[in-house]
Amino acid sequence: MTRLFRARHIFSFIYSALITLGGLAGVGPLYRLEPISRIEFVYLPPGHFLMGSPQEELERNADETQHEVHLTKGFWIGRMEVTRAQWEHVMGPIEGHPNKPNPFRFDNPSIPMVSISFFDIEDYLARLNALSKGQRFRLPTEAEWEYACRAGTVTTFNTGLKLEESQSNFDARVQYGAQTIGVALQRPSPVGSYPPNAWGLYDFHGNVWEWTSDWYGLYPSGISVNPKGPRRGTLKVIRGGSWAFNASSARSACRYHHNPEDWGSSLGFRVIWEPITNK
């Protein structure tokens, strides 16, 4: 990490911390409950961060090349993963699909919406955007996702170098690093069941994988400004790990991918909201 980047990173972290504490006037409220989607959003300021993992990170993958990313615009991101209740509010009651049964038909409406493909989410966003005027909802880019997940941290997780079962819903039976071996719930948890990161965001590690808007591809070399991934591809990036995977998959830098038509009981999402103004 260069001295210049360290200085930028420290400034970005302090700036974001002040916003979190309500210390900067004129930024607007940190949290907003958007009435059409019924989703609570958190505003994140512009910033710089190191995306990817250092070579010494345990169980890192070759596609996690660490590089500097600049996000020049602030954005509003879902404080939690989209729930079943929020999905049904837009799409109507879940009736099931003969070729895609949902094994998690919980009564709790706060469970993340799972067993949905990238294309299913596109349908949800199209319907939500049709209900909205002067604003747009979309999936986060991979860079926006990792920036929000890290919340100013540079460690393996936003909790530090290890993740414990008291901090996230993942398969703790498989040890990662200094993690204490524990149990596995073997199901998604209601959103917000575990402590938030430093920016007040929940469930970036574990619970359910989250679809992003990016096609999968290798990271570019050098500094990236507002990256959106390759223009074309065959696989979409998912992030964050899930209840069905161990802590290694929940690392802030870990990348995984699926065909956009794929679905599963540990695949969910969160959204970004673009209002008329961020004030």
Protein backbone atom coordinates (compact mmCIF):
# COMPACT_ATOMS: atom_id res chain seq x y z
CA MET A 1 0.00 0.00 0.00
CA THR A 2 1.53 3.31 -1.05
CA ARG A 3 1.88 6.29 1.30
CA LEU A 4 -0.50 8.29 -0.90
CA PHE A 5 -3.11 5.58 -0.77
CA ARG A 6 -2.68 5.20 3.02
CA ALA A 7 -3.37 8.92 3.40
CA ARG A 8 -6.43 8.72 1.15
CA HIS A 9 -7.69 5.64 2.94
CA ILE A 10 -7.28 7.24 6.36
CA PHE A 11 -9.11 10.37 5.17
CA SER A 12 -11.91 8.28 3.67
CA PHE A 13 -12.25 6.25 6.87
CA ILE A 14 -12.35 9.37 9.09
CA TYR A 15 -14.85 11.06 6.76
CA SER A 16 -17.09 7.99 6.79
CA ALA A 17 -16.79 7.65 10.56
CA LEU A 18 -17.89 11.25 11.01
CA ILE A 19 -20.92 10.62 8.82
CA THR A 20 -21.75 7.51 10.85
CA LEU A 21 -21.60 9.58 14.02
CA GLY A 22 -23.63 12.39 12.47
CA GLY A 23 -20.67 14.75 12.67
CA LEU A 24 -20.90 16.33 9.19
CA ALA A 25 -23.62 18.85 8.52
CA GLY A 26 -25.44 18.88 5.21
CA VAL A 27 -24.94 15.20 4.40
CA GLY A 28 -28.52 14.31 5.31
CA PRO A 29 -29.74 11.45 7.48
CA LEU A 30 -27.71 8.29 7.43
CA TYR A 31 -30.78 6.02 7.35
CA ARG A 32 -33.89 6.36 5.21
CA LEU A 33 -36.91 4.13 5.00
CA GLU A 34 -37.98 4.25 1.35
CA PRO A 35 -41.78 3.89 1.30
CA ILE A 36 -42.32 2.25 -2.10
CA SER A 37 -39.90 -0.65 -1.52
CA ARG A 38 -40.29 -0.60 2.29
CA ILE A 39 -36.52 -1.02 2.47
CA GLU A 40 -34.28 0.91 4.86
CA PHE A 41 -31.21 2.36 3.15
CA VAL A 42 -27.88 3.64 4.43
CA TYR A 43 -25.99 6.44 2.70
CA LEU A 44 -22.31 5.77 2.03
CA PRO A 45 -20.01 8.63 1.02
CA PRO A 46 -17.52 8.61 -1.87
CA GLY A 47 -14.26 6.95 -0.94
CA HIS A 48 -11.14 4.99 -1.84
CA PHE A 49 -10.35 1.46 -0.75
CA LEU A 50 -8.24 -1.57 -1.52
CA MET A 51 -10.41 -4.15 -3.28
CA GLY A 52 -9.32 -7.78 -3.22
CA SER A 53 -7.03 -9.57 -0.79
CA PRO A 54 -3.32 -9.46 0.05
CA GLN A 55 -1.28 -12.47 -1.02
CA GLU A 56 -0.84 -13.61 2.58
CA GLU A 57 -4.58 -13.90 3.24
CA LEU A 58 -5.54 -17.43 4.22
CA GLU A 59 -7.35 -19.40 1.49
CA ARG A 60 -7.40 -16.46 -0.90
CA ASN A 61 -8.21 -17.16 -4.54
CA ALA A 62 -6.16 -16.12 -7.56
CA ASP A 63 -8.91 -13.80 -8.83
CA GLU A 64 -8.74 -11.56 -5.75
CA THR A 65 -5.85 -9.40 -7.01
CA GLN A 66 -5.63 -6.43 -4.68
CA HIS A 67 -6.01 -3.04 -6.36
CA GLU A 68 -7.04 0.52 -5.55
CA VAL A 69 -10.63 1.52 -6.28
CA HIS A 70 -12.08 5.04 -6.27
CA LEU A 71 -15.83 5.48 -5.89
CA THR A 72 -16.48 9.10 -6.77
CA LYS A 73 -20.19 9.20 -5.91
CA GLY A 74 -21.97 8.39 -2.68
CA PHE A 75 -24.79 5.87 -2.79
CA TRP A 76 -27.68 4.46 -0.76
CA ILE A 77 -27.52 0.72 -0.13
CA GLY A 78 -29.96 -1.59 1.60
CA ARG A 79 -29.20 -1.83 5.29
CA MET A 80 -30.19 -5.50 5.15
CA GLU A 81 -30.85 -8.19 2.56
CA VAL A 82 -34.23 -8.00 0.83
CA THR A 83 -36.72 -10.02 2.86
CA ARG A 84 -39.56 -12.25 1.82
CA ALA A 85 -42.04 -9.62 3.03
CA GLN A 86 -40.38 -6.89 0.95
CA TRP A 87 -40.33 -9.14 -2.10
CA GLU A 88 -44.03 -10.02 -1.75
CA HIS A 89 -44.89 -6.34 -1.25
CA VAL A 90 -43.72 -5.73 -4.83
CA MET A 91 -44.25 -9.10 -6.54
CA GLY A 92 -47.29 -10.42 -4.71
CA PRO A 93 -47.65 -13.64 -2.68
CA ILE A 94 -45.18 -16.42 -3.41
CA GLU A 95 -47.11 -19.10 -5.24
CA GLY A 96 -44.19 -21.38 -5.91
CA HIS A 97 -42.97 -22.75 -9.20
CA PRO A 98 -43.34 -26.38 -10.35
CA ASN A 99 -39.72 -26.52 -11.46
CA LYS A 100 -38.29 -24.38 -8.67
CA PRO A 101 -39.65 -25.28 -5.26
CA ASN A 102 -38.57 -23.03 -2.41
CA PRO A 103 -37.43 -25.27 0.46
CA PHE A 104 -37.59 -22.40 2.95
CA ARG A 105 -41.25 -21.51 3.32
CA PHE A 106 -40.85 -19.87 6.70
CA ASP A 107 -43.68 -18.06 8.40
CA ASN A 108 -41.21 -15.35 9.43
CA PRO A 109 -41.42 -12.55 6.82
CA SER A 110 -37.98 -11.26 7.88
CA ILE A 111 -36.11 -14.18 6.32
CA PRO A 112 -34.12 -13.10 3.23
CA MET A 113 -35.82 -13.85 -0.06
CA VAL A 114 -34.00 -16.88 -1.47
CA SER A 115 -34.27 -19.34 -4.35
CA ILE A 116 -34.23 -16.49 -6.85
CA SER A 117 -32.12 -16.11 -9.97
CA PHE A 118 -30.51 -12.96 -11.34
CA PHE A 119 -33.33 -12.83 -13.88
CA ASP A 120 -35.93 -13.05 -11.09
CA ILE A 121 -34.30 -10.04 -9.47
CA GLU A 122 -34.38 -8.15 -12.76
CA ASP A 123 -38.15 -8.71 -12.84
CA TYR A 124 -38.45 -7.46 -9.25
CA LEU A 125 -36.39 -4.34 -10.01
CA ALA A 126 -38.34 -3.63 -13.20
CA ARG A 127 -41.62 -3.76 -11.31
CA LEU A 128 -40.26 -1.67 -8.44
CA ASN A 129 -38.89 0.94 -10.83
CA ALA A 130 -42.22 1.08 -12.65
CA LEU A 131 -43.85 2.01 -9.34
CA SER A 132 -41.30 4.77 -8.74
CA LYS A 133 -40.89 8.21 -10.25
CA GLY A 134 -37.64 10.14 -10.28
CA GLN A 135 -35.68 7.36 -8.65
CA ARG A 136 -34.20 4.00 -9.54
CA PHE A 137 -33.43 0.72 -7.79
CA ARG A 138 -30.64 -1.59 -8.91
CA LEU A 139 -28.19 -4.24 -7.75
CA PRO A 140 -24.84 -3.03 -6.38
CA THR A 141 -21.72 -3.38 -8.45
CA GLU A 142 -19.11 -5.74 -7.07
CA ALA A 143 -16.97 -2.76 -6.03
CA GLU A 144 -19.86 -1.04 -4.26
CA TRP A 145 -20.65 -4.29 -2.48
CA GLU A 146 -17.10 -4.77 -1.16
CA TYR A 147 -16.77 -1.10 -0.19
CA ALA A 148 -19.96 -1.39 1.87
CA CYS A 149 -18.94 -4.73 3.34
CA ARG A 150 -15.52 -3.54 4.48
CA ALA A 151 -16.83 -0.32 6.07
CA GLY A 152 -13.33 1.13 6.21
CA THR A 153 -11.55 -2.07 7.22
CA VAL A 154 -8.64 -3.73 5.44
CA THR A 155 -8.78 -7.05 7.30
CA THR A 156 -10.11 -10.44 6.15
CA PHE A 157 -13.55 -9.65 7.56
CA ASN A 158 -15.07 -6.39 8.71
CA THR A 159 -14.86 -8.02 12.16
CA GLY A 160 -11.09 -8.46 11.92
CA LEU A 161 -8.99 -11.49 11.00
CA LYS A 162 -11.61 -14.02 12.04
CA LEU A 163 -15.36 -14.52 12.03
CA GLU A 164 -17.21 -16.18 14.89
CA GLU A 165 -20.66 -17.77 14.91
CA SER A 166 -21.87 -15.01 17.26
CA GLN A 167 -21.11 -12.52 14.48
CA SER A 168 -22.61 -14.20 11.43
CA ASN A 169 -24.69 -17.11 10.13
CA PHE A 170 -22.22 -19.46 8.44
CA ASP A 171 -21.12 -23.08 8.78
CA ALA A 172 -18.90 -22.79 11.84
CA ARG A 173 -18.24 -26.53 11.90
CA VAL A 174 -15.45 -25.93 9.40
CA GLN A 175 -12.66 -23.87 10.97
CA TYR A 176 -11.11 -20.90 9.22
CA GLY A 177 -7.97 -19.48 10.79
CA ALA A 178 -8.31 -18.78 14.51
CA GLN A 179 -12.09 -19.12 14.44
CA THR A 180 -13.67 -21.20 17.19
CA ILE A 181 -15.26 -24.36 15.83
CA GLY A 182 -18.98 -24.18 16.37
CA VAL A 183 -22.26 -25.30 14.84
CA ALA A 184 -24.28 -24.61 11.69
CA LEU A 185 -27.88 -23.37 11.73
CA GLN A 186 -28.39 -24.91 8.26
CA ARG A 187 -30.94 -22.27 7.32
CA PRO A 188 -31.04 -18.51 6.73
CA SER A 189 -31.62 -16.22 9.70
CA PRO A 190 -34.00 -13.26 9.91
CA VAL A 191 -32.14 -10.21 8.63
CA GLY A 192 -30.36 -8.19 11.30
CA SER A 193 -29.94 -11.13 13.66
CA TYR A 194 -26.21 -10.42 14.05
CA PRO A 195 -24.28 -7.22 14.85
CA PRO A 196 -23.87 -4.66 12.04
CA ASN A 197 -20.57 -3.47 10.62
CA ALA A 198 -19.13 -0.04 11.44
CA TRP A 199 -21.44 1.64 8.92
CA GLY A 200 -24.61 0.11 10.33
CA LEU A 201 -25.01 -2.53 7.58
CA TYR A 202 -26.07 -6.09 8.35
CA ASP A 203 -25.31 -9.58 7.06
CA PHE A 204 -22.53 -8.86 4.58
CA HIS A 205 -20.78 -11.94 5.97
CA GLY A 206 -22.88 -15.09 5.70
CA ASN A 207 -26.64 -15.61 5.89
CA VAL A 208 -27.21 -15.67 2.10
CA TRP A 209 -25.05 -15.05 -0.95
CA GLU A 210 -25.87 -11.74 -2.62
CA TRP A 211 -26.16 -11.22 -6.37
CA THR A 212 -24.28 -8.21 -7.80
CA SER A 213 -24.73 -6.53 -11.18
CA ASP A 214 -21.26 -7.43 -12.48
CA TRP A 215 -20.36 -10.07 -15.00
CA TYR A 216 -17.51 -12.15 -13.69
CA GLY A 217 -14.02 -11.35 -14.97
CA LEU A 218 -10.48 -10.69 -13.83
CA TYR A 219 -9.81 -7.38 -12.11
CA PRO A 220 -8.12 -4.65 -14.16
CA SER A 221 -4.56 -3.68 -13.29
CA GLY A 222 -3.88 -0.36 -11.62
CA ILE A 223 -6.39 2.10 -10.19
CA SER A 224 -10.07 1.59 -11.03
CA VAL A 225 -12.62 4.41 -10.93
CA ASN A 226 -16.26 3.39 -10.43
CA PRO A 227 -15.69 -0.10 -11.93
CA LYS A 228 -18.69 -2.03 -13.26
CA GLY A 229 -17.06 -5.28 -14.34
CA PRO A 230 -16.81 -6.61 -17.92
CA ARG A 231 -19.34 -5.44 -20.51
CA ARG A 232 -20.25 -9.02 -21.37
CA GLY A 233 -19.97 -12.41 -19.78
CA THR A 234 -21.65 -15.69 -18.96
CA LEU A 235 -21.45 -15.67 -15.15
CA LYS A 236 -22.69 -13.14 -12.60
CA VAL A 237 -20.72 -12.39 -9.43
CA ILE A 238 -22.19 -13.25 -6.05
CA ARG A 239 -20.67 -12.16 -2.74
CA GLY A 240 -20.70 -12.69 1.00
CA GLY A 241 -20.97 -16.42 1.65
CA SER A 242 -23.99 -17.98 3.30
CA TRP A 243 -25.38 -20.23 6.00
CA ALA A 244 -24.35 -23.24 3.89
CA PHE A 245 -20.66 -22.29 3.51
CA ASN A 246 -17.78 -21.83 5.93
CA ALA A 247 -16.14 -18.55 6.91
CA SER A 248 -13.59 -18.61 4.09
CA SER A 249 -16.39 -17.98 1.58
CA ALA A 250 -17.63 -15.05 3.68
CA ARG A 251 -14.34 -13.13 3.43
CA SER A 252 -14.72 -9.51 2.30
CA ALA A 253 -12.66 -10.19 -0.84
CA CYS A 254 -14.04 -13.62 -1.75
CA ARG A 255 -15.65 -13.81 -5.18
CA TYR A 256 -17.96 -16.51 -6.44
CA HIS A 257 -20.22 -16.69 -9.48
CA HIS A 258 -23.27 -18.34 -10.96
CA ASN A 259 -25.09 -18.51 -14.25
CA PRO A 260 -27.72 -15.75 -14.13
CA GLU A 261 -30.51 -18.33 -14.42
CA ASP A 262 -29.26 -20.27 -11.37
CA TRP A 263 -31.15 -20.18 -8.09
CA GLY A 264 -30.72 -21.79 -4.70
CA SER A 265 -31.76 -21.78 -1.07
CA SER A 266 -28.73 -19.69 -0.11
CA LEU A 267 -28.96 -17.10 -2.92
CA GLY A 268 -30.43 -13.70 -2.09
CA PHE A 269 -29.71 -10.01 -2.69
CA ARG A 270 -29.78 -6.41 -1.49
CA VAL A 271 -30.40 -3.30 -3.56
CA ILE A 272 -29.14 0.20 -4.18
CA TRP A 273 -31.53 3.14 -4.27
CA GLU A 274 -30.86 6.17 -6.46
CA PRO A 275 -33.22 8.98 -5.40
CA ILE A 276 -33.52 12.34 -7.11
CA THR A 277 -30.96 13.70 -4.68
CA ASN A 278 -28.79 12.27 -1.91
CA LYS A 279 -29.76 15.12 0.41
